[in-house]
Amino acid sequence: MPELPEVETVVRTLRPEIVGKSISAVWTSGIALRMAKRLDVAVLQRECVGATIKAVRRRGKYILIDLQRGATRSAGILVHLGMTGRLRVQPQRELRVKHTHVVWALARKQEVRFVDPRRFGWVQAAPDLDALPEIQALGPDPLSDLDAGELRDRLAVSHAPIKAFLLDQHRVAGLGNIYVCEALFRAGIHPTTQARRTQGKAALLMQAIRDTLQLAIANCGTSFRDFVDSTGAPGKNIEALLVYGREGENCFQCQAPVRRAVHSGRSTFYCGNCQIR
């Protein structure tokens, strides 16, 4: 599933292509997306058609596209990529690939296309994106809103394993399985350690999270199979991963084999020597 760096990469590549352009039409496949829920096409049409795109931003793993309708009225589009979602800018003349579910027509015969084979993603239009329950429920963003002091306070009251704590979007927004494994390795914290027992390492963990995310953003995200940016280019961060996906390979720090365990149905990669519980 695309995590914060992949979503940020899409936002950064999408922004210069669409900001300032107007939306002339919206097309949908009519097929339900996340949780077999159908899109509210009437609201998409009402809020998008005739609007001008004024900004593209990220909140956690959500892409937020801000729209301007006339001099006073604003609206927006929320996009979640789910597991296999792609948001591409393509010429109108190019054939729409299978599993294209939403298309926004722009000027100069360009289109923004949302493609999602597994249909775990979501698209929604609303007058006020920041007031949506999905956005209101998010915890602080680790690159802009969260600091070591607040992280320490949040860790202190949690009995959850630290990996589960960091994956909880209500506690920290945007982190996923890949980058939590990477950040915990950088901080030398075992993934099953109780969160409250790591509060003494809050500053180290905060720095590890930021370093992990910033490196991945600089490398345009991690592509194992599905992820591409809005131009269709895959990410290059797979070569920079320290533990994720490296089961049995030597740890870069101590040469012990990287281990893999399954926690809550997800693979966890760590070094048993460098990350002692």
Protein backbone atom coordinates (compact mmCIF):
# COMPACT_ATOMS: atom_id res chain seq x y z
CA MET A 1 0.00 0.00 0.00
CA PRO A 2 1.38 3.45 -0.86
CA GLU A 3 2.57 5.18 2.29
CA LEU A 4 3.48 8.78 3.07
CA PRO A 5 6.52 9.00 0.73
CA GLU A 6 4.62 7.52 -2.23
CA VAL A 7 1.63 9.82 -1.67
CA GLU A 8 3.94 12.83 -1.29
CA THR A 9 5.67 11.83 -4.54
CA VAL A 10 2.33 11.72 -6.37
CA VAL A 11 1.39 15.12 -4.92
CA ARG A 12 4.70 16.70 -5.96
CA THR A 13 4.53 15.35 -9.52
CA LEU A 14 0.82 16.10 -9.89
CA ARG A 15 0.93 19.68 -8.59
CA PRO A 16 2.81 21.38 -11.47
CA GLU A 17 0.72 19.52 -14.05
CA ILE A 18 -2.77 20.49 -12.86
CA VAL A 19 -2.75 23.55 -10.58
CA GLY A 20 -4.44 26.47 -12.32
CA LYS A 21 -6.37 24.27 -14.75
CA SER A 22 -10.14 23.98 -14.86
CA ILE A 23 -12.18 20.79 -14.86
CA SER A 24 -14.64 20.54 -17.75
CA ALA A 25 -16.11 17.09 -17.11
CA VAL A 26 -16.02 14.09 -14.79
CA TRP A 27 -16.46 10.45 -15.87
CA THR A 28 -16.81 7.40 -13.60
CA SER A 29 -16.89 3.68 -14.30
CA GLY A 30 -19.94 3.14 -12.08
CA ILE A 31 -18.10 0.34 -10.25
CA ALA A 32 -17.97 0.38 -6.46
CA LEU A 33 -14.59 1.00 -4.80
CA ARG A 34 -13.53 0.59 -1.15
CA MET A 35 -15.81 -1.63 0.95
CA ALA A 36 -18.04 -2.12 -2.13
CA LYS A 37 -19.15 1.50 -1.73
CA ARG A 38 -20.26 3.42 -4.79
CA LEU A 39 -18.99 6.92 -5.48
CA ASP A 40 -21.37 9.84 -5.06
CA VAL A 41 -21.24 10.84 -8.73
CA ALA A 42 -23.74 13.68 -8.29
CA VAL A 43 -21.51 15.39 -5.72
CA LEU A 44 -18.41 14.79 -7.87
CA GLN A 45 -20.13 16.45 -10.81
CA ARG A 46 -21.49 19.33 -8.74
CA GLU A 47 -18.23 20.20 -6.98
CA CYS A 48 -15.75 19.52 -9.80
CA VAL A 49 -17.23 20.55 -13.15
CA GLY A 50 -16.40 24.19 -13.84
CA ALA A 51 -14.00 24.47 -10.90
CA THR A 52 -10.36 25.51 -11.08
CA ILE A 53 -7.67 23.49 -9.31
CA LYS A 54 -5.90 25.80 -6.88
CA ALA A 55 -3.72 23.41 -4.81
CA VAL A 56 -2.63 19.79 -4.38
CA ARG A 57 -1.55 18.69 -0.93
CA ARG A 58 -1.18 15.66 1.31
CA ARG A 59 -2.58 14.76 4.71
CA GLY A 60 -1.31 11.42 5.98
CA LYS A 61 -1.92 8.98 3.13
CA TYR A 62 -4.64 11.14 1.55
CA ILE A 63 -4.26 13.32 -1.53
CA LEU A 64 -6.28 16.53 -1.23
CA ILE A 65 -7.03 18.57 -4.35
CA ASP A 66 -8.40 22.02 -3.51
CA LEU A 67 -10.83 23.62 -5.96
CA GLN A 68 -12.08 27.16 -6.47
CA ARG A 69 -15.59 27.78 -7.78
CA GLY A 70 -16.10 31.44 -8.59
CA ALA A 71 -14.84 34.22 -6.37
CA THR A 72 -16.04 32.93 -3.02
CA ARG A 73 -16.90 29.22 -3.10
CA SER A 74 -14.32 26.49 -2.58
CA ALA A 75 -14.50 22.70 -2.69
CA GLY A 76 -12.13 19.78 -3.01
CA ILE A 77 -11.40 16.20 -4.03
CA LEU A 78 -10.12 13.57 -1.61
CA VAL A 79 -8.21 10.60 -3.06
CA HIS A 80 -6.90 7.55 -1.21
CA LEU A 81 -4.79 5.23 -3.34
CA GLY A 82 -5.64 2.11 -1.34
CA MET A 83 -3.35 -0.77 -2.31
CA THR A 84 -3.08 -0.44 -6.09
CA GLY A 85 -4.43 3.02 -6.88
CA ARG A 86 -2.73 5.31 -9.38
CA LEU A 87 -3.41 8.96 -10.14
CA ARG A 88 -2.02 9.85 -13.56
CA VAL A 89 -2.09 12.87 -15.88
CA GLN A 90 -2.42 11.62 -19.46
CA PRO A 91 -3.40 12.94 -22.88
CA GLN A 92 -7.03 12.45 -23.78
CA ARG A 93 -5.99 10.55 -26.92
CA GLU A 94 -4.31 7.75 -24.94
CA LEU A 95 -6.45 4.67 -24.41
CA ARG A 96 -7.84 4.38 -20.89
CA VAL A 97 -6.43 1.25 -19.30
CA LYS A 98 -8.55 -1.41 -17.63
CA HIS A 99 -9.66 -0.56 -14.08
CA THR A 100 -9.89 3.19 -14.76
CA HIS A 101 -12.62 4.35 -12.38
CA VAL A 102 -12.58 8.17 -12.35
CA VAL A 103 -11.48 10.65 -15.01
CA TRP A 104 -11.35 14.44 -14.72
CA ALA A 105 -11.13 16.24 -18.07
CA LEU A 106 -8.81 19.26 -18.12
CA ALA A 107 -7.89 21.93 -20.66
CA ARG A 108 -5.65 21.14 -23.65
CA LYS A 109 -7.15 17.65 -23.95
CA GLN A 110 -5.54 16.32 -20.80
CA GLU A 111 -7.10 14.02 -18.21
CA VAL A 112 -6.41 13.10 -14.60
CA ARG A 113 -7.18 9.38 -14.29
CA PHE A 114 -7.71 7.30 -11.17
CA VAL A 115 -6.90 3.64 -11.84
CA ASP A 116 -7.33 0.98 -9.15
CA PRO A 117 -7.32 -2.74 -10.06
CA ARG A 118 -8.05 -4.03 -6.55
CA ARG A 119 -10.50 -1.22 -5.72
CA PHE A 120 -9.35 -0.55 -2.15
CA GLY A 121 -8.93 3.14 -2.98
CA TRP A 122 -11.45 5.93 -2.61
CA VAL A 123 -12.46 9.20 -4.32
CA GLN A 124 -14.77 11.79 -2.83
CA ALA A 125 -15.69 15.42 -3.46
CA ALA A 126 -16.75 17.76 -0.66
CA PRO A 127 -17.18 21.48 0.04
CA ASP A 128 -14.62 21.32 2.89
CA LEU A 129 -12.00 18.56 2.76
CA ASP A 130 -10.48 19.31 6.16
CA ALA A 131 -13.88 18.81 7.82
CA LEU A 132 -14.29 15.26 6.48
CA PRO A 133 -14.32 12.59 9.24
CA GLU A 134 -11.42 10.73 7.58
CA ILE A 135 -9.21 13.81 7.85
CA GLN A 136 -10.42 14.88 11.29
CA ALA A 137 -9.55 11.44 12.69
CA LEU A 138 -5.91 11.52 11.59
CA GLY A 139 -3.07 11.95 14.06
CA PRO A 140 -0.25 14.47 13.53
CA ASP A 141 1.90 14.29 10.42
CA PRO A 142 5.47 13.15 11.25
CA LEU A 143 7.03 15.61 8.81
CA SER A 144 5.13 18.73 9.78
CA ASP A 145 3.05 18.42 12.96
CA LEU A 146 4.75 15.90 15.25
CA ASP A 147 7.82 16.60 17.39
CA ALA A 148 9.74 14.49 19.88
CA GLY A 149 7.92 15.94 22.90
CA GLU A 150 4.47 15.12 21.59
CA LEU A 151 5.62 11.69 20.44
CA ARG A 152 6.97 11.02 23.93
CA ASP A 153 3.63 11.99 25.48
CA ARG A 154 1.73 9.71 23.11
CA LEU A 155 4.09 6.80 23.72
CA ALA A 156 3.84 7.17 27.49
CA VAL A 157 0.16 6.23 27.65
CA SER A 158 0.16 3.33 25.19
CA HIS A 159 0.54 -0.36 26.05
CA ALA A 160 0.44 -1.38 22.36
CA PRO A 161 3.53 -2.82 20.67
CA ILE A 162 5.54 0.04 19.16
CA LYS A 163 5.01 -1.18 15.62
CA ALA A 164 1.23 -1.29 16.06
CA PHE A 165 1.37 2.15 17.70
CA LEU A 166 3.17 3.70 14.72
CA LEU A 167 0.84 2.04 12.21
CA ASP A 168 -2.24 3.49 13.94
CA GLN A 169 -3.28 6.45 11.76
CA HIS A 170 -5.08 8.04 14.72
CA ARG A 171 -1.74 8.30 16.55
CA VAL A 172 0.62 9.17 13.68
CA ALA A 173 -0.65 9.88 10.17
CA GLY A 174 0.99 8.45 7.07
CA LEU A 175 3.24 5.65 8.30
CA GLY A 176 2.87 2.12 6.91
CA ASN A 177 4.55 -1.25 7.18
CA ILE A 178 7.64 -0.51 5.08
CA TYR A 179 8.72 2.69 6.76
CA VAL A 180 7.82 1.64 10.30
CA CYS A 181 10.16 -1.36 9.91
CA GLU A 182 12.86 0.91 8.55
CA ALA A 183 12.46 3.58 11.24
CA LEU A 184 12.48 1.06 14.10
CA PHE A 185 15.70 -0.43 12.75
CA ARG A 186 17.33 3.01 12.56
CA ALA A 187 16.25 3.70 16.15
CA GLY A 188 17.38 0.26 17.42
CA ILE A 189 13.92 -0.55 18.81
CA HIS A 190 12.46 -4.07 18.66
CA PRO A 191 9.04 -3.97 16.91
CA THR A 192 7.21 -5.82 19.72
CA THR A 193 8.45 -3.55 22.54
CA GLN A 194 5.60 -1.89 24.41
CA ALA A 195 5.21 1.69 23.20
CA ARG A 196 5.36 3.19 26.71
CA ARG A 197 8.76 1.51 27.25
CA THR A 198 10.22 3.41 24.29
CA GLN A 199 9.41 6.92 25.50
CA GLY A 200 13.04 7.42 26.57
CA LYS A 201 13.99 6.98 22.90
CA ALA A 202 11.33 9.37 21.59
CA ALA A 203 13.84 11.87 20.17
CA LEU A 204 15.87 9.11 18.51
CA LEU A 205 12.72 7.50 17.10
CA MET A 206 11.38 10.84 15.85
CA GLN A 207 14.64 11.49 14.00
CA ALA A 208 14.65 7.93 12.61
CA ILE A 209 11.11 8.38 11.27
CA ARG A 210 11.97 11.67 9.60
CA ASP A 211 15.23 10.38 8.12
CA THR A 212 13.44 7.31 6.75
CA LEU A 213 10.62 9.31 5.19
CA GLN A 214 12.82 12.06 3.76
CA LEU A 215 15.15 9.55 2.12
CA ALA A 216 12.19 7.72 0.57
CA ILE A 217 10.72 10.98 -0.73
CA ALA A 218 14.08 11.94 -2.22
CA ASN A 219 14.04 8.56 -3.99
CA CYS A 220 10.45 9.12 -5.19
CA GLY A 221 8.98 6.28 -3.13
CA THR A 222 9.35 2.51 -3.05
CA SER A 223 8.02 0.48 -5.98
CA PHE A 224 7.73 -3.27 -5.57
CA ARG A 225 5.04 -3.76 -8.22
CA ASP A 226 2.20 -1.23 -8.51
CA PHE A 227 3.36 2.21 -7.41
CA VAL A 228 4.14 4.92 -9.97
CA ASP A 229 4.00 8.70 -9.70
CA SER A 230 1.61 10.88 -11.71
CA THR A 231 3.91 10.67 -14.76
CA GLY A 232 4.08 6.88 -14.66
CA ALA A 233 7.61 6.66 -13.23
CA PRO A 234 8.34 4.07 -10.51
CA GLY A 235 10.06 4.93 -7.24
CA LYS A 236 13.75 4.17 -6.65
CA ASN A 237 13.84 3.69 -2.88
CA ILE A 238 13.90 -0.11 -2.92
CA GLU A 239 17.71 -0.02 -3.13
CA ALA A 240 17.87 2.10 0.05
CA LEU A 241 15.84 -0.24 2.29
CA LEU A 242 17.83 -1.43 5.30
CA VAL A 243 15.67 -4.33 6.54
CA TYR A 244 12.32 -4.43 4.75
CA GLY A 245 12.13 -7.35 2.33
CA ARG A 246 15.66 -8.51 3.26
CA GLU A 247 14.88 -11.68 5.26
CA GLY A 248 17.99 -13.86 5.57
CA GLU A 249 20.32 -11.23 4.15
CA ASN A 250 23.08 -9.74 6.29
CA CYS A 251 22.28 -6.74 8.45
CA PHE A 252 24.20 -3.71 7.17
CA GLN A 253 25.29 -2.86 10.74
CA CYS A 254 26.23 -6.18 12.36
CA GLN A 255 26.13 -8.76 9.53
CA ALA A 256 23.60 -10.97 11.38
CA PRO A 257 20.75 -12.26 9.20
CA VAL A 258 17.70 -10.01 8.95
CA ARG A 259 14.69 -11.73 10.50
CA ARG A 260 11.05 -11.80 9.46
CA ALA A 261 8.04 -12.29 11.75
CA VAL A 262 4.31 -11.91 11.20
CA HIS A 263 2.42 -9.52 13.46
CA SER A 264 -1.31 -8.96 12.93
CA GLY A 265 -1.07 -10.51 9.49
CA ARG A 266 1.79 -8.25 8.35
CA SER A 267 5.42 -9.10 7.77
CA THR A 268 7.86 -7.43 10.14
CA PHE A 269 11.54 -7.23 9.22
CA TYR A 270 14.16 -6.53 11.89
CA CYS A 271 17.63 -7.39 13.14
CA GLY A 272 17.66 -9.48 16.32
CA ASN A 273 21.10 -8.13 17.27
CA CYS A 274 20.56 -4.42 16.62
CA GLN A 275 16.96 -4.32 17.87
CA ILE A 276 16.92 -6.02 21.26
CA ARG A 277 13.56 -6.21 23.00
